[in-house]
Amino acid sequence: MRTMLLILGTALLLVVTGGAAGKTSTVTITKNGYVPNSLSVAAGDTVAFTNSDTVAHQITFKSTTGVTCTPNPIVLQPGASGSCTFATAGSYSYSDPNTHGNTFRGSVTVAAPPDALTMAATPMLLVFGGKVGLSGTVSTQKAGEPVDALAQQCGASSAQKAGTVQTATGGAYTLSLQPLANTTYTTKLRSASSTAVTVRVRPRLVLTRVAAHRYTVRAYARESLAGKYAGIQRYNATTRRWVSVKVLPLKAGAGATAPAVVSTASVRLTFKTRVRLRATLGQAQVGTCYAAGSSNTILS
């Protein structure tokens, strides 16, 4: 049984390995030349040469950059075969240096792999006014490639270009953006797009003690939160939990700079000294375009 499992495992490994390899195309060497005498392959593919003539033939490439051949040099006796794998896009011409004329001349055109790029966002959850960093690499691994960042803000019907950055060494790129609400980002290189990533945004909440027993809450977002309700919580050191003590309706405020819109609430509360307090906005209040959040912590 162990022998059978070993054979099956080896066979599976061969299948997986073979499936991961590039495609192989065949060129036959005849007495009249190469058949076919031109091929188009993809980077990573292999071209196998088989000598069906009655005399030996040699295959010499004009440029060997990105070409790996076995045997090397390729000198094939009648009935023998050799192969070359092409790792780099370009046009490769070859010939038999021992045969005069144009009969034994051929070419292989290697197409560049399709563009691809990765993208990650950090952080995935931030407070209104903060910035998200998009970073990744492009498959060409070249510097100077133009990468566009597309952003679809919550409520928008389509994505819009939010910025463009040139890749650095190795095809790496970074870009800093400021989402005003929950936003889905993708990056694009020519016709290739990265996987979409959604960044969530919390309204910015600021709790301030303005006088003895007097507190204000300010909520900043891209739109007014007037009519929504903010909560005031105190920290219970015994249970180590936050406890709700008051719910406040927010009203339209003033003084914020576009595109930030401020909503405010004021309240009188009586606490012992040095009680930890904070303000909160639950998910039901912020809706689908924001994440629930809490303010800074202050002492009564």
Protein backbone atom coordinates (compact mmCIF):
# COMPACT_ATOMS: atom_id res chain seq x y z
CA MET A 1 0.00 0.00 0.00
CA ARG A 2 2.81 2.45 0.88
CA THR A 3 4.42 1.75 -2.49
CA MET A 4 1.14 2.42 -4.29
CA LEU A 5 0.65 5.72 -2.38
CA LEU A 6 4.21 6.77 -3.19
CA ILE A 7 3.65 6.08 -6.90
CA LEU A 8 0.38 8.01 -6.88
CA GLY A 9 1.99 10.92 -5.02
CA THR A 10 4.88 11.04 -7.47
CA ALA A 11 2.49 10.93 -10.41
CA LEU A 12 0.44 13.77 -8.92
CA LEU A 13 3.58 15.84 -8.38
CA LEU A 14 4.55 15.32 -12.02
CA VAL A 15 1.10 16.37 -13.18
CA VAL A 16 1.17 19.52 -11.05
CA THR A 17 4.71 20.38 -12.11
CA GLY A 18 3.92 19.80 -15.75
CA GLY A 19 0.80 21.94 -15.55
CA ALA A 20 2.82 24.83 -14.16
CA ALA A 21 5.35 24.75 -17.01
CA GLY A 22 5.07 26.91 -20.13
CA LYS A 23 3.76 25.71 -23.45
CA THR A 24 6.05 23.77 -25.82
CA SER A 25 6.05 24.34 -29.59
CA THR A 26 7.94 22.21 -32.13
CA VAL A 27 10.16 23.17 -35.07
CA THR A 28 11.15 20.37 -37.44
CA ILE A 29 14.48 20.58 -39.27
CA THR A 30 14.06 19.20 -42.79
CA LYS A 31 16.41 19.08 -45.74
CA ASN A 32 14.62 22.16 -47.08
CA GLY A 33 14.79 24.22 -43.89
CA TYR A 34 12.78 24.85 -40.73
CA VAL A 35 9.09 23.96 -40.48
CA PRO A 36 7.70 26.35 -39.43
CA ASN A 37 10.40 28.96 -39.88
CA SER A 38 8.67 31.51 -37.63
CA LEU A 39 6.88 31.08 -34.32
CA SER A 40 5.10 33.30 -31.82
CA VAL A 41 5.24 32.17 -28.20
CA ALA A 42 4.78 33.64 -24.72
CA ALA A 43 7.49 34.38 -22.19
CA GLY A 44 8.31 31.16 -20.35
CA ASP A 45 7.44 28.94 -23.32
CA THR A 46 9.76 26.38 -24.88
CA VAL A 47 10.56 25.60 -28.51
CA ALA A 48 11.70 22.04 -29.27
CA PHE A 49 13.87 21.47 -32.36
CA THR A 50 13.84 18.00 -33.98
CA ASN A 51 16.28 17.07 -36.75
CA SER A 52 14.47 14.94 -39.35
CA ASP A 53 17.18 15.52 -41.98
CA THR A 54 19.87 12.94 -42.82
CA VAL A 55 22.73 15.25 -41.83
CA ALA A 56 23.63 17.08 -38.62
CA HIS A 57 22.45 20.64 -38.05
CA GLN A 58 23.39 23.38 -35.62
CA ILE A 59 21.10 26.14 -34.32
CA THR A 60 22.69 29.44 -33.35
CA PHE A 61 20.72 32.42 -32.00
CA LYS A 62 21.81 35.93 -32.92
CA SER A 63 20.97 37.03 -29.37
CA THR A 64 20.98 34.65 -26.44
CA THR A 65 19.76 37.07 -23.76
CA GLY A 66 16.85 35.42 -22.01
CA VAL A 67 17.30 32.16 -23.95
CA THR A 68 18.28 28.89 -22.27
CA CYS A 69 19.01 25.93 -24.56
CA THR A 70 19.71 22.24 -23.99
CA PRO A 71 22.12 21.04 -25.24
CA ASN A 72 24.24 24.15 -25.48
CA PRO A 73 25.35 24.67 -28.20
CA ILE A 74 22.52 22.93 -30.07
CA VAL A 75 24.17 20.51 -32.47
CA LEU A 76 21.66 17.86 -33.51
CA GLN A 77 22.48 14.61 -35.25
CA PRO A 78 19.79 13.05 -37.48
CA GLY A 79 16.83 12.05 -35.30
CA ALA A 80 18.03 14.05 -32.29
CA SER A 81 16.17 16.85 -30.50
CA GLY A 82 17.02 19.91 -28.44
CA SER A 83 15.01 22.71 -26.85
CA CYS A 84 15.21 26.39 -25.92
CA THR A 85 13.17 28.22 -23.30
CA PHE A 86 12.48 31.96 -23.70
CA ALA A 87 12.22 34.01 -20.53
CA THR A 88 12.26 37.51 -22.02
CA ALA A 89 9.94 39.16 -24.52
CA GLY A 90 11.48 40.08 -27.86
CA SER A 91 12.35 38.79 -31.33
CA TYR A 92 14.97 36.05 -31.63
CA SER A 93 16.45 35.07 -34.99
CA TYR A 94 18.45 31.87 -35.48
CA SER A 95 20.25 30.03 -38.25
CA ASP A 96 22.55 27.10 -39.06
CA PRO A 97 26.05 28.58 -39.37
CA ASN A 98 27.17 25.53 -41.36
CA THR A 99 24.60 26.03 -44.13
CA HIS A 100 24.83 28.81 -46.70
CA GLY A 101 21.88 30.81 -48.02
CA ASN A 102 18.58 31.78 -46.45
CA THR A 103 17.04 28.31 -46.28
CA PHE A 104 18.08 27.57 -42.73
CA ARG A 105 16.97 30.79 -41.07
CA GLY A 106 14.14 31.16 -38.60
CA SER A 107 12.74 33.40 -35.88
CA VAL A 108 10.88 33.20 -32.59
CA THR A 109 8.78 36.14 -31.40
CA VAL A 110 8.21 36.13 -27.65
CA ALA A 111 5.22 38.16 -26.46
CA ALA A 112 5.39 40.05 -23.19
CA PRO A 113 3.19 38.65 -20.40
CA PRO A 114 -0.02 40.58 -19.72
CA ASP A 115 0.18 43.42 -17.22
CA ALA A 116 -0.77 42.65 -13.64
CA LEU A 117 -0.47 44.52 -10.36
CA THR A 118 -1.02 44.01 -6.66
CA MET A 119 -2.46 46.52 -4.21
CA ALA A 120 -2.89 46.76 -0.44
CA ALA A 121 -4.41 49.55 1.66
CA THR A 122 -3.19 50.67 5.10
CA PRO A 123 -5.06 51.28 7.32
CA MET A 124 -8.31 49.59 6.37
CA LEU A 125 -10.24 51.57 9.01
CA LEU A 126 -9.51 55.22 9.71
CA VAL A 127 -11.01 58.38 11.19
CA PHE A 128 -12.43 61.11 8.94
CA GLY A 129 -9.60 63.44 7.95
CA GLY A 130 -7.00 60.67 7.97
CA LYS A 131 -5.18 59.26 4.98
CA VAL A 132 -4.87 55.77 3.53
CA GLY A 133 -1.73 54.48 1.87
CA LEU A 134 -2.07 52.34 -1.26
CA SER A 135 0.95 50.24 -2.18
CA GLY A 136 1.83 47.38 -4.48
CA THR A 137 3.96 46.23 -7.40
CA VAL A 138 3.47 45.87 -11.14
CA SER A 139 4.37 42.69 -13.03
CA THR A 140 6.75 44.46 -15.42
CA GLN A 141 8.97 45.26 -12.40
CA LYS A 142 9.99 48.44 -14.22
CA ALA A 143 10.42 51.94 -12.83
CA GLY A 144 8.46 54.77 -14.40
CA GLU A 145 5.25 52.85 -15.09
CA PRO A 146 2.11 55.03 -14.66
CA VAL A 147 -0.28 53.55 -12.09
CA ASP A 148 -3.72 55.14 -11.69
CA ALA A 149 -5.69 54.94 -8.44
CA LEU A 150 -9.46 54.69 -8.87
CA ALA A 151 -11.83 55.48 -5.99
CA GLN A 152 -15.55 54.73 -5.72
CA GLN A 153 -16.89 56.58 -2.73
CA CYS A 154 -19.97 55.28 -0.95
CA GLY A 155 -23.05 56.49 -2.80
CA ALA A 156 -21.22 57.09 -6.09
CA SER A 157 -22.37 55.25 -9.21
CA SER A 158 -18.87 54.71 -10.60
CA ALA A 159 -15.19 54.96 -9.73
CA GLN A 160 -13.22 58.12 -10.43
CA LYS A 161 -9.49 58.61 -10.86
CA ALA A 162 -8.07 59.77 -7.54
CA GLY A 163 -4.41 60.06 -8.49
CA THR A 164 -1.51 58.79 -10.58
CA VAL A 165 1.93 57.67 -9.43
CA GLN A 166 5.06 56.45 -11.22
CA THR A 167 6.54 53.15 -10.13
CA ALA A 168 9.94 53.07 -8.45
CA THR A 169 12.70 50.46 -8.60
CA GLY A 170 11.35 46.94 -9.07
CA GLY A 171 7.92 48.20 -10.12
CA ALA A 172 6.88 49.21 -6.58
CA TYR A 173 4.46 52.09 -6.02
CA THR A 174 2.93 53.96 -3.10
CA LEU A 175 0.17 56.55 -3.03
CA SER A 176 -1.51 58.47 -0.20
CA LEU A 177 -5.20 59.40 -0.46
CA GLN A 178 -7.84 60.88 1.84
CA PRO A 179 -11.23 59.15 1.71
CA LEU A 180 -14.23 61.20 2.86
CA ALA A 181 -16.46 58.14 3.45
CA ASN A 182 -16.28 54.38 2.97
CA THR A 183 -14.40 54.03 -0.32
CA THR A 184 -13.48 51.14 -2.62
CA TYR A 185 -10.07 51.49 -4.26
CA THR A 186 -8.44 49.78 -7.23
CA THR A 187 -5.22 50.56 -9.03
CA LYS A 188 -4.76 50.27 -12.78
CA LEU A 189 -1.85 49.83 -15.20
CA ARG A 190 -3.01 50.19 -18.78
CA SER A 191 -5.78 47.55 -19.13
CA ALA A 192 -4.88 45.61 -15.96
CA SER A 193 -6.59 46.29 -12.61
CA SER A 194 -5.76 45.20 -9.08
CA THR A 195 -8.15 43.50 -6.70
CA ALA A 196 -10.58 46.00 -5.15
CA VAL A 197 -10.08 46.97 -1.48
CA THR A 198 -12.67 48.81 0.63
CA VAL A 199 -11.46 51.28 3.24
CA ARG A 200 -13.92 52.18 6.00
CA VAL A 201 -14.10 55.65 7.55
CA ARG A 202 -15.37 56.67 10.99
CA PRO A 203 -16.77 60.18 11.54
CA ARG A 204 -14.35 62.24 13.62
CA LEU A 205 -15.82 62.74 17.09
CA VAL A 206 -14.42 65.30 19.52
CA LEU A 207 -15.63 65.50 23.12
CA THR A 208 -14.71 68.68 25.01
CA ARG A 209 -15.30 69.85 28.58
CA VAL A 210 -16.11 73.55 28.10
CA ALA A 211 -17.01 74.42 31.71
CA ALA A 212 -17.87 72.77 34.98
CA HIS A 213 -20.40 70.04 34.16
CA ARG A 214 -20.72 71.34 30.55
CA TYR A 215 -19.64 69.28 27.56
CA THR A 216 -19.84 69.56 23.78
CA VAL A 217 -19.65 66.92 21.08
CA ARG A 218 -18.51 67.72 17.57
CA ALA A 219 -18.93 65.21 14.71
CA TYR A 220 -17.04 65.76 11.43
CA ALA A 221 -18.00 64.03 8.17
CA ARG A 222 -18.44 64.82 4.47
CA GLU A 223 -22.14 65.49 5.15
CA SER A 224 -24.20 66.78 8.04
CA LEU A 225 -25.11 64.32 10.79
CA ALA A 226 -27.76 66.65 12.18
CA GLY A 227 -30.72 64.62 13.41
CA LYS A 228 -28.50 61.68 14.39
CA TYR A 229 -27.84 60.76 18.00
CA ALA A 230 -24.50 60.67 19.77
CA GLY A 231 -24.05 58.84 23.04
CA ILE A 232 -22.07 59.82 26.12
CA GLN A 233 -20.39 56.98 28.01
CA ARG A 234 -18.45 56.77 31.26
CA TYR A 235 -15.89 54.13 32.14
CA ASN A 236 -16.69 51.82 35.05
CA ALA A 237 -13.35 50.86 36.54
CA THR A 238 -14.90 48.05 38.59
CA THR A 239 -16.44 46.20 35.65
CA ARG A 240 -13.92 47.56 33.16
CA ARG A 241 -16.74 48.46 30.80
CA TRP A 242 -18.09 51.60 29.17
CA VAL A 243 -21.59 52.49 30.39
CA SER A 244 -24.05 54.68 28.47
CA VAL A 245 -25.26 57.71 30.44
CA LYS A 246 -26.84 60.07 27.89
CA VAL A 247 -28.05 60.25 24.28
CA LEU A 248 -27.75 63.62 22.51
CA PRO A 249 -29.36 64.81 19.25
CA LEU A 250 -26.83 66.39 16.92
CA LYS A 251 -27.51 69.78 15.30
CA ALA A 252 -25.93 71.53 12.33
CA GLY A 253 -22.74 73.28 13.35
CA ALA A 254 -20.45 75.91 11.84
CA GLY A 255 -16.78 76.61 11.47
CA ALA A 256 -15.61 73.49 9.62
CA THR A 257 -13.65 73.76 6.40
CA ALA A 258 -15.05 72.02 3.28
CA PRO A 259 -15.34 69.19 2.59
CA ALA A 260 -15.69 68.58 6.35
CA VAL A 261 -19.16 69.26 7.75
CA VAL A 262 -19.56 69.62 11.50
CA SER A 263 -22.56 68.62 13.62
CA THR A 264 -22.68 69.51 17.31
CA ALA A 265 -24.43 68.81 20.60
CA SER A 266 -24.10 70.30 24.08
CA VAL A 267 -25.07 68.80 27.41
CA ARG A 268 -24.84 69.40 31.16
CA LEU A 269 -23.72 66.35 33.13
CA THR A 270 -22.71 65.95 36.76
CA PHE A 271 -19.99 63.41 37.57
CA LYS A 272 -17.44 62.87 40.28
CA THR A 273 -14.05 64.27 39.38
CA ARG A 274 -11.69 62.37 37.11
CA VAL A 275 -14.31 60.09 35.58
CA ARG A 276 -13.32 58.95 32.11
CA LEU A 277 -15.83 60.01 29.44
CA ARG A 278 -16.21 59.55 25.72
CA ALA A 279 -18.76 60.13 22.93
CA THR A 280 -19.94 57.46 20.49
CA LEU A 281 -21.84 57.14 17.22
CA GLY A 282 -23.42 53.75 16.59
CA GLN A 283 -23.78 52.07 13.21
CA ALA A 284 -27.51 52.80 13.07
CA GLN A 285 -26.70 56.52 13.34
CA VAL A 286 -23.84 56.78 10.84
CA GLY A 287 -25.59 54.68 8.17
CA THR A 288 -23.98 52.59 5.43
CA CYS A 289 -21.38 55.12 4.31
CA TYR A 290 -19.48 55.24 7.61
CA ALA A 291 -18.25 52.96 10.33
CA ALA A 292 -19.34 53.37 13.94
CA GLY A 293 -16.82 55.11 16.14
CA SER A 294 -15.94 56.85 19.37
CA SER A 295 -14.27 60.09 20.39
CA ASN A 296 -11.23 60.96 22.39
CA THR A 297 -11.37 60.18 26.13
CA ILE A 298 -11.47 63.03 28.66
CA LEU A 299 -11.74 63.38 32.43
CA SER A 300 -14.73 65.01 34.10
